PDB file of N, CA and C in Angstrom:
ATOM      1  N   MET A   1     169.293 130.606  68.242  1.00  0.00           N
ATOM      2  CA  MET A   1     168.084 131.331  67.920  1.00  0.00           C
ATOM      3  C   MET A   1     168.109 132.649  68.679  1.00  0.00           C
ATOM      4  N   THR A   2     167.855 133.698  67.956  1.00  0.00           N
ATOM      5  CA  THR A   2     167.851 135.026  68.570  1.00  0.00           C
ATOM      6  C   THR A   2     166.494 135.305  69.212  1.00  0.00           C
ATOM      7  N   LEU A   3     166.466 136.320  70.035  1.00  0.00           N
ATOM      8  CA  LEU A   3     165.212 136.722  70.670  1.00  0.00           C
ATOM      9  C   LEU A   3     164.192 137.154  69.618  1.00  0.00           C
ATOM     10  N   GLU A   4     164.664 137.810  68.573  1.00  0.00           N
ATOM     11  CA  GLU A   4     163.764 138.239  67.496  1.00  0.00           C
ATOM     12  C   GLU A   4     163.113 137.035  66.811  1.00  0.00           C
ATOM     13  N   GLU A   5     163.889 136.001  66.550  1.00  0.00           N
ATOM     14  CA  GLU A   5     163.341 134.792  65.923  1.00  0.00           C
ATOM     15  C   GLU A   5     162.340 134.103  66.849  1.00  0.00           C
ATOM     16  N   GLU A   6     162.656 134.072  68.138  1.00  0.00           N
ATOM     17  CA  GLU A   6     161.723 133.472  69.094  1.00  0.00           C
ATOM     18  C   GLU A   6     160.414 134.253  69.128  1.00  0.00           C
ATOM     19  N   ASN A   7     160.503 135.578  69.132  1.00  0.00           N
ATOM     20  CA  ASN A   7     159.296 136.405  69.120  1.00  0.00           C
ATOM     21  C   ASN A   7     158.490 136.200  67.842  1.00  0.00           C
ATOM     22  N   ASP A   8     159.170 136.029  66.715  1.00  0.00           N
ATOM     23  CA  ASP A   8     158.477 135.746  65.456  1.00  0.00           C
ATOM     24  C   ASP A   8     157.712 134.425  65.547  1.00  0.00           C
ATOM     25  N   ASN A   9     158.328 133.420  66.174  1.00  0.00           N
ATOM     26  CA  ASN A   9     157.660 132.124  66.348  1.00  0.00           C
ATOM     27  C   ASN A   9     156.434 132.268  67.246  1.00  0.00           C
ATOM     28  N   VAL A  10     156.563 133.047  68.321  1.00  0.00           N
ATOM     29  CA  VAL A  10     155.421 133.259  69.218  1.00  0.00           C
ATOM     30  C   VAL A  10     154.289 133.935  68.452  1.00  0.00           C
ATOM     31  N   GLN A  11     154.605 134.943  67.639  1.00  0.00           N
ATOM     32  CA  GLN A  11     153.582 135.631  66.846  1.00  0.00           C
ATOM     33  C   GLN A  11     152.898 134.655  65.881  1.00  0.00           C
ATOM     34  N   ALA A  12     153.679 133.814  65.226  1.00  0.00           N
ATOM     35  CA  ALA A  12     153.117 132.863  64.259  1.00  0.00           C
ATOM     36  C   ALA A  12     152.189 131.866  64.939  1.00  0.00           C
ATOM     37  N   VAL A  13     152.588 131.365  66.095  1.00  0.00           N
ATOM     38  CA  VAL A  13     151.753 130.414  66.822  1.00  0.00           C
ATOM     39  C   VAL A  13     150.490 131.103  67.340  1.00  0.00           C
ATOM     40  N   ALA A  14     150.612 132.311  67.856  1.00  0.00           N
ATOM     41  CA  ALA A  14     149.439 133.050  68.343  1.00  0.00           C
ATOM     42  C   ALA A  14     148.444 133.300  67.209  1.00  0.00           C
ATOM     43  N   ASN A  15     148.953 133.648  66.043  1.00  0.00           N
ATOM     44  CA  ASN A  15     148.070 133.853  64.884  1.00  0.00           C
ATOM     45  C   ASN A  15     147.334 132.569  64.532  1.00  0.00           C
ATOM     46  N   ALA A  16     148.041 131.447  64.575  1.00  0.00           N
ATOM     47  CA  ALA A  16     147.416 130.156  64.264  1.00  0.00           C
ATOM     48  C   ALA A  16     146.345 129.808  65.302  1.00  0.00           C
ATOM     49  N   ILE A  17     146.608 130.094  66.573  1.00  0.00           N
ATOM     50  CA  ILE A  17     145.606 129.834  67.616  1.00  0.00           C
ATOM     51  C   ILE A  17     144.355 130.649  67.344  1.00  0.00           C
ATOM     52  N   GLN A  18     144.514 131.910  67.015  1.00  0.00           N
ATOM     53  CA  GLN A  18     143.351 132.773  66.765  1.00  0.00           C
ATOM     54  C   GLN A  18     142.600 132.399  65.492  1.00  0.00           C
ATOM     55  N   ARG A  19     143.259 131.743  64.543  1.00  0.00           N
ATOM     56  CA  ARG A  19     142.587 131.287  63.321  1.00  0.00           C
ATOM     57  C   ARG A  19     141.858 129.963  63.540  1.00  0.00           C
ATOM     58  N   HIS A  20     141.910 129.424  64.765  1.00  0.00           N
ATOM     59  CA  HIS A  20     141.287 128.147  65.115  1.00  0.00           C
ATOM     60  C   HIS A  20     141.995 126.968  64.446  1.00  0.00           C
ATOM     61  N   ASP A  21     143.271 127.120  64.101  1.00  0.00           N
ATOM     62  CA  ASP A  21     144.016 126.007  63.526  1.00  0.00           C
ATOM     63  C   ASP A  21     144.186 124.914  64.577  1.00  0.00           C
ATOM     64  N   LYS A  22     144.190 123.686  64.129  1.00  0.00           N
ATOM     65  CA  LYS A  22     144.380 122.555  65.044  1.00  0.00           C
ATOM     66  C   LYS A  22     145.861 122.269  65.277  1.00  0.00           C
ATOM     67  N   TYR A  23     146.686 122.533  64.256  1.00  0.00           N
ATOM     68  CA  TYR A  23     148.130 122.295  64.336  1.00  0.00           C
ATOM     69  C   TYR A  23     148.863 123.485  63.752  1.00  0.00           C
ATOM     70  N   CYS A  24     150.117 123.616  64.128  1.00  0.00           N
ATOM     71  CA  CYS A  24     150.947 124.691  63.598  1.00  0.00           C
ATOM     72  C   CYS A  24     152.340 124.144  63.342  1.00  0.00           C
ATOM     73  N   SER A  25     152.966 124.592  62.282  1.00  0.00           N
ATOM     74  CA  SER A  25     154.341 124.229  61.974  1.00  0.00           C
ATOM     75  C   SER A  25     155.196 125.477  62.059  1.00  0.00           C
ATOM     76  N   VAL A  26     156.342 125.338  62.701  1.00  0.00           N
ATOM     77  CA  VAL A  26     157.276 126.449  62.829  1.00  0.00           C
ATOM     78  C   VAL A  26     158.622 125.980  62.311  1.00  0.00           C
ATOM     79  N   LYS A  27     159.224 126.791  61.468  1.00  0.00           N
ATOM     80  CA  LYS A  27     160.524 126.460  60.895  1.00  0.00           C
ATOM     81  C   LYS A  27     161.596 127.301  61.564  1.00  0.00           C
ATOM     82  N   SER A  28     162.691 126.649  61.916  1.00  0.00           N
ATOM     83  CA  SER A  28     163.801 127.348  62.548  1.00  0.00           C
ATOM     84  C   SER A  28     165.091 126.602  62.243  1.00  0.00           C
ATOM     85  N   LYS A  29     166.080 127.340  61.828  1.00  0.00           N
ATOM     86  CA  LYS A  29     167.389 126.756  61.509  1.00  0.00           C
ATOM     87  C   LYS A  29     167.273 125.604  60.518  1.00  0.00           C
ATOM     88  N   GLY A  30     166.369 125.755  59.551  1.00  0.00           N
ATOM     89  CA  GLY A  30     166.218 124.742  58.515  1.00  0.00           C
ATOM     90  C   GLY A  30     165.406 123.532  58.921  1.00  0.00           C
ATOM     91  N   ARG A  31     164.938 123.478  60.152  1.00  0.00           N
ATOM     92  CA  ARG A  31     164.126 122.354  60.625  1.00  0.00           C
ATOM     93  C   ARG A  31     162.705 122.831  60.858  1.00  0.00           C
ATOM     94  N   GLU A  32     161.768 121.933  60.709  1.00  0.00           N
ATOM     95  CA  GLU A  32     160.373 122.273  60.906  1.00  0.00           C
ATOM     96  C   GLU A  32     159.767 121.338  61.941  1.00  0.00           C
ATOM     97  N   ARG A  33     158.960 121.907  62.823  1.00  0.00           N
ATOM     98  CA  ARG A  33     158.309 121.114  63.862  1.00  0.00           C
ATOM     99  C   ARG A  33     156.821 121.453  63.872  1.00  0.00           C
ATOM    100  N   SER A  34     155.982 120.417  63.946  1.00  0.00           N
ATOM    101  CA  SER A  34     154.531 120.597  64.035  1.00  0.00           C
ATOM    102  C   SER A  34     154.067 120.181  65.424  1.00  0.00           C
ATOM    103  N   PHE A  35     153.026 120.831  65.900  1.00  0.00           N
ATOM    104  CA  PHE A  35     152.503 120.525  67.217  1.00  0.00           C
ATOM    105  C   PHE A  35     151.042 120.935  67.285  1.00  0.00           C
ATOM    106  N   PRO A  36     150.249 120.293  68.164  1.00  0.00           N
ATOM    107  CA  PRO A  36     148.837 120.649  68.302  1.00  0.00           C
ATOM    108  C   PRO A  36     148.677 121.972  69.046  1.00  0.00           C
ATOM    109  N   LEU A  37     147.595 122.663  68.749  1.00  0.00           N
ATOM    110  CA  LEU A  37     147.327 123.957  69.377  1.00  0.00           C
ATOM    111  C   LEU A  37     146.097 123.874  70.279  1.00  0.00           C
ATOM    112  N   PRO A  38     146.049 124.723  71.316  1.00  0.00           N
ATOM    113  CA  PRO A  38     144.858 124.775  72.157  1.00  0.00           C
ATOM    114  C   PRO A  38     143.726 125.502  71.442  1.00  0.00           C
ATOM    115  N   SER A  39     142.533 125.355  71.948  1.00  0.00           N
ATOM    116  CA  SER A  39     141.390 126.088  71.401  1.00  0.00           C
ATOM    117  C   SER A  39     141.555 127.567  71.719  1.00  0.00           C
ATOM    118  N   PRO A  40     141.130 128.424  70.808  1.00  0.00           N
ATOM    119  CA  PRO A  40     141.235 129.863  71.085  1.00  0.00           C
ATOM    120  C   PRO A  40     140.170 130.316  72.077  1.00  0.00           C
ATOM    121  N   GLN A  41     140.434 131.417  72.733  1.00  0.00           N
ATOM    122  CA  GLN A  41     139.435 132.036  73.603  1.00  0.00           C
ATOM    123  C   GLN A  41     138.423 132.729  72.695  1.00  0.00           C
ATOM    124  N   VAL A  42     137.145 132.483  72.915  1.00  0.00           N
ATOM    125  CA  VAL A  42     136.131 133.080  72.051  1.00  0.00           C
ATOM    126  C   VAL A  42     135.296 134.129  72.776  1.00  0.00           C
ATOM    127  N   ALA A  43     135.413 134.203  74.078  1.00  0.00           N
ATOM    128  CA  ALA A  43     134.694 135.217  74.848  1.00  0.00           C
ATOM    129  C   ALA A  43     135.653 136.353  75.187  1.00  0.00           C
ATOM    130  N   GLY A  44     135.111 137.481  75.527  1.00  0.00           N
ATOM    131  CA  GLY A  44     135.939 138.618  75.909  1.00  0.00           C
ATOM    132  C   GLY A  44     136.227 139.521  74.727  1.00  0.00           C
ATOM    133  N   THR A  45     136.994 140.562  74.999  1.00  0.00           N
ATOM    134  CA  THR A  45     137.339 141.520  73.956  1.00  0.00           C
ATOM    135  C   THR A  45     138.429 140.959  73.060  1.00  0.00           C
ATOM    136  N   MET A  46     138.651 141.608  71.931  1.00  0.00           N
ATOM    137  CA  MET A  46     139.701 141.172  71.020  1.00  0.00           C
ATOM    138  C   MET A  46     141.071 141.273  71.707  1.00  0.00           C
ATOM    139  N   THR A  47     141.243 142.268  72.546  1.00  0.00           N
ATOM    140  CA  THR A  47     142.498 142.411  73.283  1.00  0.00           C
ATOM    141  C   THR A  47     142.702 141.236  74.229  1.00  0.00           C
ATOM    142  N   GLN A  48     141.649 140.813  74.917  1.00  0.00           N
ATOM    143  CA  GLN A  48     141.749 139.661  75.812  1.00  0.00           C
ATOM    144  C   GLN A  48     142.017 138.376  75.035  1.00  0.00           C
ATOM    145  N   GLN A  49     141.366 138.228  73.880  1.00  0.00           N
ATOM    146  CA  GLN A  49     141.591 137.044  73.059  1.00  0.00           C
ATOM    147  C   GLN A  49     143.035 136.987  72.567  1.00  0.00           C
ATOM    148  N   ARG A  50     143.581 138.139  72.162  1.00  0.00           N
ATOM    149  CA  ARG A  50     144.967 138.179  71.685  1.00  0.00           C
ATOM    150  C   ARG A  50     145.938 137.895  72.826  1.00  0.00           C
ATOM    151  N   ALA A  51     145.657 138.447  73.996  1.00  0.00           N
ATOM    152  CA  ALA A  51     146.526 138.202  75.155  1.00  0.00           C
ATOM    153  C   ALA A  51     146.551 136.716  75.502  1.00  0.00           C
ATOM    154  N   TYR A  52     145.393 136.064  75.443  1.00  0.00           N
ATOM    155  CA  TYR A  52     145.320 134.627  75.696  1.00  0.00           C
ATOM    156  C   TYR A  52     146.150 133.858  74.669  1.00  0.00           C
ATOM    157  N   ALA A  53     145.973 134.199  73.391  1.00  0.00           N
ATOM    158  CA  ALA A  53     146.707 133.509  72.327  1.00  0.00           C
ATOM    159  C   ALA A  53     148.213 133.724  72.473  1.00  0.00           C
ATOM    160  N   MET A  54     148.635 134.930  72.797  1.00  0.00           N
ATOM    161  CA  MET A  54     150.056 135.224  72.971  1.00  0.00           C
ATOM    162  C   MET A  54     150.631 134.461  74.164  1.00  0.00           C
ATOM    163  N   ASP A  55     149.877 134.399  75.260  1.00  0.00           N
ATOM    164  CA  ASP A  55     150.333 133.677  76.451  1.00  0.00           C
ATOM    165  C   ASP A  55     150.499 132.192  76.151  1.00  0.00           C
ATOM    166  N   LYS A  56     149.508 131.602  75.512  1.00  0.00           N
ATOM    167  CA  LYS A  56     149.580 130.174  75.171  1.00  0.00           C
ATOM    168  C   LYS A  56     150.702 129.908  74.171  1.00  0.00           C
ATOM    169  N   ALA A  57     150.848 130.788  73.199  1.00  0.00           N
ATOM    170  CA  ALA A  57     151.904 130.625  72.200  1.00  0.00           C
ATOM    171  C   ALA A  57     153.281 130.704  72.852  1.00  0.00           C
ATOM    172  N   ALA A  58     153.471 131.644  73.764  1.00  0.00           N
ATOM    173  CA  ALA A  58     154.760 131.762  74.458  1.00  0.00           C
ATOM    174  C   ALA A  58     155.055 130.500  75.261  1.00  0.00           C
ATOM    175  N   ASP A  59     154.033 129.950  75.918  1.00  0.00           N
ATOM    176  CA  ASP A  59     154.216 128.699  76.656  1.00  0.00           C
ATOM    177  C   ASP A  59     154.636 127.572  75.724  1.00  0.00           C
ATOM    178  N   ILE A  60     153.958 127.465  74.589  1.00  0.00           N
ATOM    179  CA  ILE A  60     154.273 126.396  73.632  1.00  0.00           C
ATOM    180  C   ILE A  60     155.700 126.537  73.114  1.00  0.00           C
ATOM    181  N   VAL A  61     156.065 127.737  72.702  1.00  0.00           N
ATOM    182  CA  VAL A  61     157.396 127.961  72.125  1.00  0.00           C
ATOM    183  C   VAL A  61     158.480 127.678  73.152  1.00  0.00           C
ATOM    184  N   ARG A  62     158.296 128.139  74.365  1.00  0.00           N
ATOM    185  CA  ARG A  62     159.345 127.979  75.377  1.00  0.00           C
ATOM    186  C   ARG A  62     159.415 126.572  75.940  1.00  0.00           C
ATOM    187  N   THR A  63     158.282 125.900  76.137  1.00  0.00           N
ATOM    188  CA  THR A  63     158.311 124.569  76.726  1.00  0.00           C
ATOM    189  C   THR A  63     158.671 123.488  75.721  1.00  0.00           C
ATOM    190  N   SER A  64     158.358 123.710  74.459  1.00  0.00           N
ATOM    191  CA  SER A  64     158.695 122.683  73.464  1.00  0.00           C
ATOM    192  C   SER A  64     160.006 122.971  72.764  1.00  0.00           C
ATOM    193  N   LYS A  65     160.689 124.000  73.204  1.00  0.00           N
ATOM    194  CA  LYS A  65     162.012 124.363  72.677  1.00  0.00           C
ATOM    195  C   LYS A  65     161.966 124.733  71.194  1.00  0.00           C
ATOM    196  N   ILE A  66     160.819 125.202  70.722  1.00  0.00           N
ATOM    197  CA  ILE A  66     160.736 125.652  69.326  1.00  0.00           C
ATOM    198  C   ILE A  66     161.677 126.811  69.121  1.00  0.00           C
ATOM    199  N   GLY A  67     161.750 127.665  70.129  1.00  0.00           N
ATOM    200  CA  GLY A  67     162.614 128.828  70.014  1.00  0.00           C
ATOM    201  C   GLY A  67     164.062 128.467  69.797  1.00  0.00           C
ATOM    202  N   GLY A  68     164.474 127.315  70.271  1.00  0.00           N
ATOM    203  CA  GLY A  68     165.876 126.928  70.139  1.00  0.00           C
ATOM    204  C   GLY A  68     166.084 125.650  69.355  1.00  0.00           C
ATOM    205  N   LEU A  69     165.277 125.431  68.353  1.00  0.00           N
ATOM    206  CA  LEU A  69     165.397 124.222  67.524  1.00  0.00           C
ATOM    207  C   LEU A  69     166.815 123.910  67.145  1.00  0.00           C
TER     208      LEU A  69
END
């Protein structure tokens, strides 16, 4: 998995967090993995909410090895 693909996965997960999705599926190398998502931040500015979603998404992608499926 390239860095670009990992960043795409982080963006997809962050978008799902901000949409209040409960689960997200990410496809990589022909495999798909689903996992639960945290609640989005609802207070603060849109920039703060996005930063929270990006931080949580990066944690999910890196700790669950989605980036390197």
